[in-house]
Amino acid sequence: MSSNSQSEYVNDETYLFSSVLAGKELEKQGWVLFENIVDDQLVERLRLDLDKANAIARQIQIKNGVAQNTDGTINHLLGLGDSFMEFLDRMYLKQTITHYFCGNYILNIFGGVNNLKNRPSYLLNIHRDVRSFTGNLKLMLQMIVMLDDFTLENGATYFMNGGHYVADRPSEKLFYENSSRAVGKSGSIVLFDANLWHAAGTNQTDDPRRALTLCFTKPFVKQQLDLPRYFGYDYTTHLSEEMKQVLGYNALVPTNLEEWYQPPEKRFYKPGQG
């Protein structure tokens, strides 16, 4: 599926129609590719920040004894580079994501990956990104943002078409016979159902193949990193209403009775969060 930059479509009926078409593709195949979404200038800054964040994450992985098969994977990027928050603030594909969830959603994970030659990673295994198969219950949606061109040679992701309806892990034969590769230019974005079986391809080149890997969920699903606590409650003074929603500030859990017994306008858990 082809599209132009998100900013050209935010309030445009054409983009809303595109969201419906994307929703049908997600329903049928489990994944959809949007081409040429993020501009080159932001992509370049995201690359630089991802490389810096990877170095920080790698030191922690090694220090804490979790370095095996994790090289090039970073699970939480917000706070490790200004470009990551800028990307999130632009609300790329918001209408499509809202249409998928039939309402509000929050950020569950903001990660990244650098698929490198001869660097083993769990991402090359056939897997899905939700632990429990949820079937038609749409709790989680994944996003891949291509920061380098995705090619057959550098490990473009395999997606098993219709694999989001398969509860048990497929055999390698079944998986690869029914998979397509997510080939696209840098700045393109893939959305896919969290139930979808997929696997990174092997990078056979000497160049990096970098991407952002985001996860969005219904607001009542617990975030893998408690972002409001991570940034602090006062951080909301810098945020738009949309960013408060996406970062999870509208779905906070009270920690005491004083926070619980509040009028609606002061409650931690806002209306419309599912």
Protein backbone atom coordinates (compact mmCIF):
# COMPACT_ATOMS: atom_id res chain seq x y z
CA MET A 1 0.00 0.00 0.00
CA SER A 2 1.41 3.36 -0.93
CA SER A 3 0.92 6.66 0.89
CA ASN A 4 2.58 10.04 1.27
CA SER A 5 3.72 11.76 4.46
CA GLN A 6 1.27 11.60 7.34
CA SER A 7 1.17 15.39 7.73
CA GLU A 8 -0.57 15.75 4.37
CA TYR A 9 -3.44 13.52 5.45
CA VAL A 10 -4.18 14.22 9.10
CA ASN A 11 -7.68 15.66 8.51
CA ASP A 12 -8.18 14.55 4.93
CA GLU A 13 -11.05 12.29 3.83
CA THR A 14 -8.68 10.52 1.43
CA TYR A 15 -6.50 9.46 4.31
CA LEU A 16 -9.49 8.32 6.34
CA PHE A 17 -10.55 6.17 3.38
CA SER A 18 -6.97 4.86 3.21
CA SER A 19 -7.24 3.91 6.89
CA VAL A 20 -10.29 1.79 6.15
CA LEU A 21 -8.46 0.03 3.30
CA ALA A 22 -5.45 -0.54 5.54
CA GLY A 23 -7.77 -1.99 8.17
CA LYS A 24 -9.13 -4.49 5.66
CA GLU A 25 -5.58 -5.50 4.69
CA LEU A 26 -4.68 -5.94 8.35
CA GLU A 27 -7.78 -8.07 8.80
CA LYS A 28 -6.98 -10.25 5.79
CA GLN A 29 -3.17 -10.57 5.68
CA GLY A 30 -2.24 -9.40 9.17
CA TRP A 31 0.13 -6.68 7.92
CA VAL A 32 0.23 -3.65 5.65
CA LEU A 33 3.07 -1.52 4.25
CA PHE A 34 2.86 2.28 3.99
CA GLU A 35 5.54 3.67 1.71
CA ASN A 36 7.36 7.03 2.02
CA ILE A 37 5.87 8.16 5.32
CA VAL A 38 8.75 9.67 7.33
CA ASP A 39 10.84 12.44 5.75
CA ASP A 40 14.55 11.92 5.09
CA GLN A 41 15.72 14.53 7.62
CA LEU A 42 13.94 12.87 10.54
CA VAL A 43 15.03 9.40 9.36
CA GLU A 44 18.67 10.48 9.47
CA ARG A 45 18.35 11.85 13.02
CA LEU A 46 16.57 8.67 14.10
CA ARG A 47 19.45 6.61 12.70
CA LEU A 48 22.02 8.63 14.64
CA ASP A 49 20.04 8.47 17.87
CA LEU A 50 19.40 4.73 17.44
CA ASP A 51 23.13 4.05 17.04
CA LYS A 52 23.86 6.00 20.24
CA ALA A 53 21.03 4.27 22.13
CA ASN A 54 22.24 0.87 20.96
CA ALA A 55 25.64 1.51 22.50
CA ILE A 56 24.02 2.45 25.83
CA ALA A 57 21.67 -0.56 25.82
CA ARG A 58 24.48 -2.96 24.88
CA GLN A 59 26.55 -1.93 27.91
CA ILE A 60 23.59 -2.64 30.20
CA GLN A 61 22.84 -5.98 28.51
CA ILE A 62 26.44 -7.10 28.98
CA LYS A 63 26.64 -5.84 32.59
CA ASN A 64 23.41 -7.63 33.56
CA GLY A 65 24.25 -10.90 31.82
CA VAL A 66 21.62 -10.76 29.06
CA ALA A 67 23.94 -10.18 26.10
CA GLN A 68 23.37 -13.49 24.33
CA ASN A 69 21.23 -13.20 21.16
CA THR A 70 20.30 -9.59 21.98
CA ASP A 71 22.95 -7.70 20.00
CA GLY A 72 21.33 -4.86 18.06
CA THR A 73 18.06 -4.94 20.01
CA ILE A 74 16.93 -2.01 22.14
CA ASN A 75 13.61 -2.31 23.95
CA HIS A 76 12.99 1.22 25.26
CA LEU A 77 14.25 4.26 23.38
CA LEU A 78 12.27 7.22 24.73
CA GLY A 79 14.60 9.45 26.70
CA LEU A 80 17.68 8.26 24.80
CA GLY A 81 17.36 10.70 21.90
CA ASP A 82 15.20 13.72 21.06
CA SER A 83 14.21 12.35 17.64
CA PHE A 84 12.29 9.44 19.18
CA MET A 85 9.86 11.70 21.04
CA GLU A 86 9.55 13.89 17.94
CA PHE A 87 8.62 10.83 15.87
CA LEU A 88 5.94 9.86 18.38
CA ASP A 89 4.62 13.42 18.58
CA ARG A 90 3.97 13.47 14.84
CA MET A 91 1.30 10.78 15.33
CA TYR A 92 2.07 8.91 12.13
CA LEU A 93 -0.85 6.72 10.97
CA LYS A 94 -2.97 7.76 13.94
CA GLN A 95 -6.25 7.32 12.05
CA THR A 96 -5.32 3.82 10.95
CA ILE A 97 -4.29 2.79 14.47
CA THR A 98 -7.44 4.33 15.99
CA HIS A 99 -9.54 2.50 13.39
CA TYR A 100 -7.82 -0.78 14.28
CA PHE A 101 -8.56 -0.41 18.00
CA CYS A 102 -11.98 1.23 17.45
CA GLY A 103 -10.91 3.98 19.83
CA ASN A 104 -8.08 5.17 22.04
CA TYR A 105 -4.73 3.43 22.37
CA ILE A 106 -1.44 3.87 24.23
CA LEU A 107 2.22 3.21 23.55
CA ASN A 108 3.32 -0.09 25.10
CA ILE A 109 6.89 -0.32 23.77
CA PHE A 110 9.15 2.01 21.78
CA GLY A 111 12.10 -0.09 20.70
CA GLY A 112 14.60 -0.42 17.91
CA VAL A 113 16.71 -3.00 16.13
CA ASN A 114 19.87 -3.11 14.05
CA ASN A 115 20.01 -6.34 12.05
CA LEU A 116 23.72 -6.91 11.44
CA LYS A 117 25.64 -9.53 9.52
CA ASN A 118 26.86 -12.48 11.62
CA ARG A 119 25.24 -11.11 14.78
CA PRO A 120 22.78 -13.72 16.14
CA SER A 121 19.49 -12.36 17.44
CA TYR A 122 16.24 -13.86 18.68
CA LEU A 123 14.46 -11.73 16.07
CA LEU A 124 15.49 -14.25 13.37
CA ASN A 125 13.36 -16.90 15.08
CA ILE A 126 9.75 -17.44 13.97
CA HIS A 127 7.75 -15.64 16.64
CA ARG A 128 4.82 -13.39 17.38
CA ASP A 129 4.89 -10.31 19.60
CA VAL A 130 2.09 -11.22 22.01
CA ARG A 131 2.60 -14.08 24.46
CA SER A 132 -1.01 -15.32 24.43
CA PHE A 133 -3.00 -15.80 21.23
CA THR A 134 -5.90 -13.32 21.32
CA GLY A 135 -7.69 -14.28 18.09
CA ASN A 136 -10.11 -11.58 16.94
CA LEU A 137 -9.65 -9.58 20.15
CA LYS A 138 -7.53 -6.62 19.06
CA LEU A 139 -5.38 -5.77 22.05
CA MET A 140 -1.99 -5.07 20.44
CA LEU A 141 -0.69 -3.64 17.15
CA GLN A 142 2.95 -3.54 16.07
CA MET A 143 4.80 -0.93 13.99
CA ILE A 144 8.09 -1.20 12.13
CA VAL A 145 9.67 2.02 10.89
CA MET A 146 12.33 1.40 8.24
CA LEU A 147 15.38 3.57 8.88
CA ASP A 148 17.35 1.84 6.12
CA ASP A 149 16.01 0.29 2.93
CA PHE A 150 14.61 -3.18 3.62
CA THR A 151 15.84 -5.55 0.91
CA LEU A 152 15.95 -9.30 0.35
CA GLU A 153 19.71 -9.16 0.83
CA ASN A 154 19.79 -7.27 4.14
CA GLY A 155 17.10 -9.20 5.97
CA ALA A 156 13.68 -7.74 5.14
CA THR A 157 11.15 -9.19 7.58
CA TYR A 158 9.14 -12.31 6.72
CA PHE A 159 5.41 -12.05 7.45
CA MET A 160 3.20 -15.14 7.29
CA ASN A 161 0.15 -13.97 5.35
CA GLY A 162 -2.94 -14.75 7.40
CA GLY A 163 -0.70 -16.07 10.18
CA HIS A 164 -2.48 -13.94 12.78
CA TYR A 165 -5.27 -16.55 12.71
CA VAL A 166 -2.85 -19.40 13.49
CA ALA A 167 -2.77 -20.07 17.23
CA ASP A 168 0.20 -22.45 17.36
CA ARG A 169 3.70 -21.81 16.05
CA PRO A 170 3.84 -23.04 12.43
CA SER A 171 6.54 -25.32 11.12
CA GLU A 172 9.37 -23.64 9.23
CA LYS A 173 8.09 -25.21 5.99
CA LEU A 174 4.56 -23.86 6.47
CA PHE A 175 5.84 -20.47 7.60
CA TYR A 176 8.24 -19.78 4.75
CA GLU A 177 5.91 -21.18 2.07
CA ASN A 178 3.20 -18.73 3.12
CA SER A 179 5.30 -15.67 3.92
CA SER A 180 6.00 -12.44 2.05
CA ARG A 181 8.96 -10.12 2.61
CA ALA A 182 8.48 -6.53 3.79
CA VAL A 183 10.65 -4.86 1.15
CA GLY A 184 10.58 -1.07 1.23
CA LYS A 185 12.50 2.19 1.23
CA SER A 186 13.71 3.95 4.36
CA GLY A 187 10.95 6.07 5.83
CA SER A 188 8.30 3.43 5.11
CA ILE A 189 6.18 1.98 7.91
CA VAL A 190 4.69 -1.48 8.44
CA LEU A 191 1.74 -2.08 10.75
CA PHE A 192 0.97 -5.65 11.73
CA ASP A 193 -1.28 -7.60 14.07
CA ALA A 194 0.61 -8.74 17.19
CA ASN A 195 -0.71 -12.29 16.64
CA LEU A 196 1.07 -12.48 13.28
CA TRP A 197 3.92 -14.98 12.96
CA HIS A 198 7.00 -13.29 11.55
CA ALA A 199 10.80 -13.39 11.55
CA ALA A 200 13.64 -11.10 10.58
CA GLY A 201 15.63 -12.22 7.56
CA THR A 202 19.37 -12.77 7.62
CA ASN A 203 21.45 -9.73 6.71
CA GLN A 204 23.92 -10.91 4.07
CA THR A 205 25.42 -7.47 3.50
CA ASP A 206 28.07 -5.52 5.39
CA ASP A 207 25.66 -2.62 6.01
CA PRO A 208 23.26 -2.11 8.94
CA ARG A 209 19.53 -2.67 8.57
CA ARG A 210 18.00 -0.44 11.23
CA ALA A 211 14.40 0.03 12.27
CA LEU A 212 12.19 1.33 15.04
CA THR A 213 9.86 -1.25 16.58
CA LEU A 214 6.83 0.18 18.35
CA CYS A 215 3.92 -1.55 20.03
CA PHE A 216 0.51 0.03 20.67
CA THR A 217 -2.20 -1.46 22.86
CA LYS A 218 -5.64 -0.83 24.28
CA PRO A 219 -5.15 1.62 27.19
CA PHE A 220 -5.97 -0.94 29.88
CA VAL A 221 -3.06 -3.21 28.87
CA LYS A 222 -0.07 -2.75 31.18
CA GLN A 223 2.91 -0.99 29.55
CA GLN A 224 6.20 -2.91 29.47
CA LEU A 225 7.83 0.25 30.84
CA ASP A 226 5.73 2.52 33.07
CA LEU A 227 6.24 5.66 30.99
CA PRO A 228 4.32 8.12 33.24
CA ARG A 229 6.42 7.00 36.22
CA TYR A 230 9.57 6.96 34.05
CA PHE A 231 9.12 10.59 32.95
CA GLY A 232 7.21 11.77 36.04
CA TYR A 233 3.72 13.21 36.46
CA ASP A 234 4.94 16.80 35.99
CA TYR A 235 6.17 15.92 32.50
CA THR A 236 2.61 16.44 31.21
CA THR A 237 3.15 20.21 31.20
CA HIS A 238 5.25 19.69 28.05
CA LEU A 239 2.74 17.43 26.30
CA SER A 240 -0.18 17.86 23.96
CA GLU A 241 -3.45 16.13 24.82
CA GLU A 242 -2.69 13.52 22.15
CA MET A 243 0.71 12.77 23.65
CA LYS A 244 -0.74 12.48 27.16
CA GLN A 245 -3.07 9.82 25.78
CA VAL A 246 -0.45 7.87 23.84
CA LEU A 247 2.13 7.90 26.64
CA GLY A 248 -0.42 6.48 29.07
CA TYR A 249 -1.13 9.47 31.31
CA ASN A 250 -4.89 9.02 30.81
CA ALA A 251 -4.78 5.39 31.97
CA LEU A 252 -2.89 5.74 35.25
CA VAL A 253 -3.60 3.38 38.14
CA PRO A 254 -4.23 5.14 41.49
CA THR A 255 -1.77 4.24 44.23
CA ASN A 256 -3.88 5.19 47.28
CA LEU A 257 -7.44 6.02 48.35
CA GLU A 258 -6.81 9.76 48.11
CA GLU A 259 -6.03 9.36 44.40
CA TRP A 260 -8.95 6.97 43.94
CA TYR A 261 -11.72 9.12 45.47
CA GLN A 262 -11.64 12.04 43.06
CA PRO A 263 -14.24 13.77 40.87
CA PRO A 264 -14.22 12.66 37.20
CA GLU A 265 -12.10 15.57 35.96
CA LYS A 266 -9.32 14.73 38.45
CA ARG A 267 -9.34 10.95 38.18
CA PHE A 268 -6.14 9.17 37.14
CA TYR A 269 -7.99 6.77 34.83
CA LYS A 270 -9.85 8.93 32.32
CA PRO A 271 -13.03 8.04 30.40
CA GLY A 272 -12.66 6.37 27.01
CA GLN A 273 -9.78 4.09 27.94
CA GLY A 274 -11.64 0.82 27.45
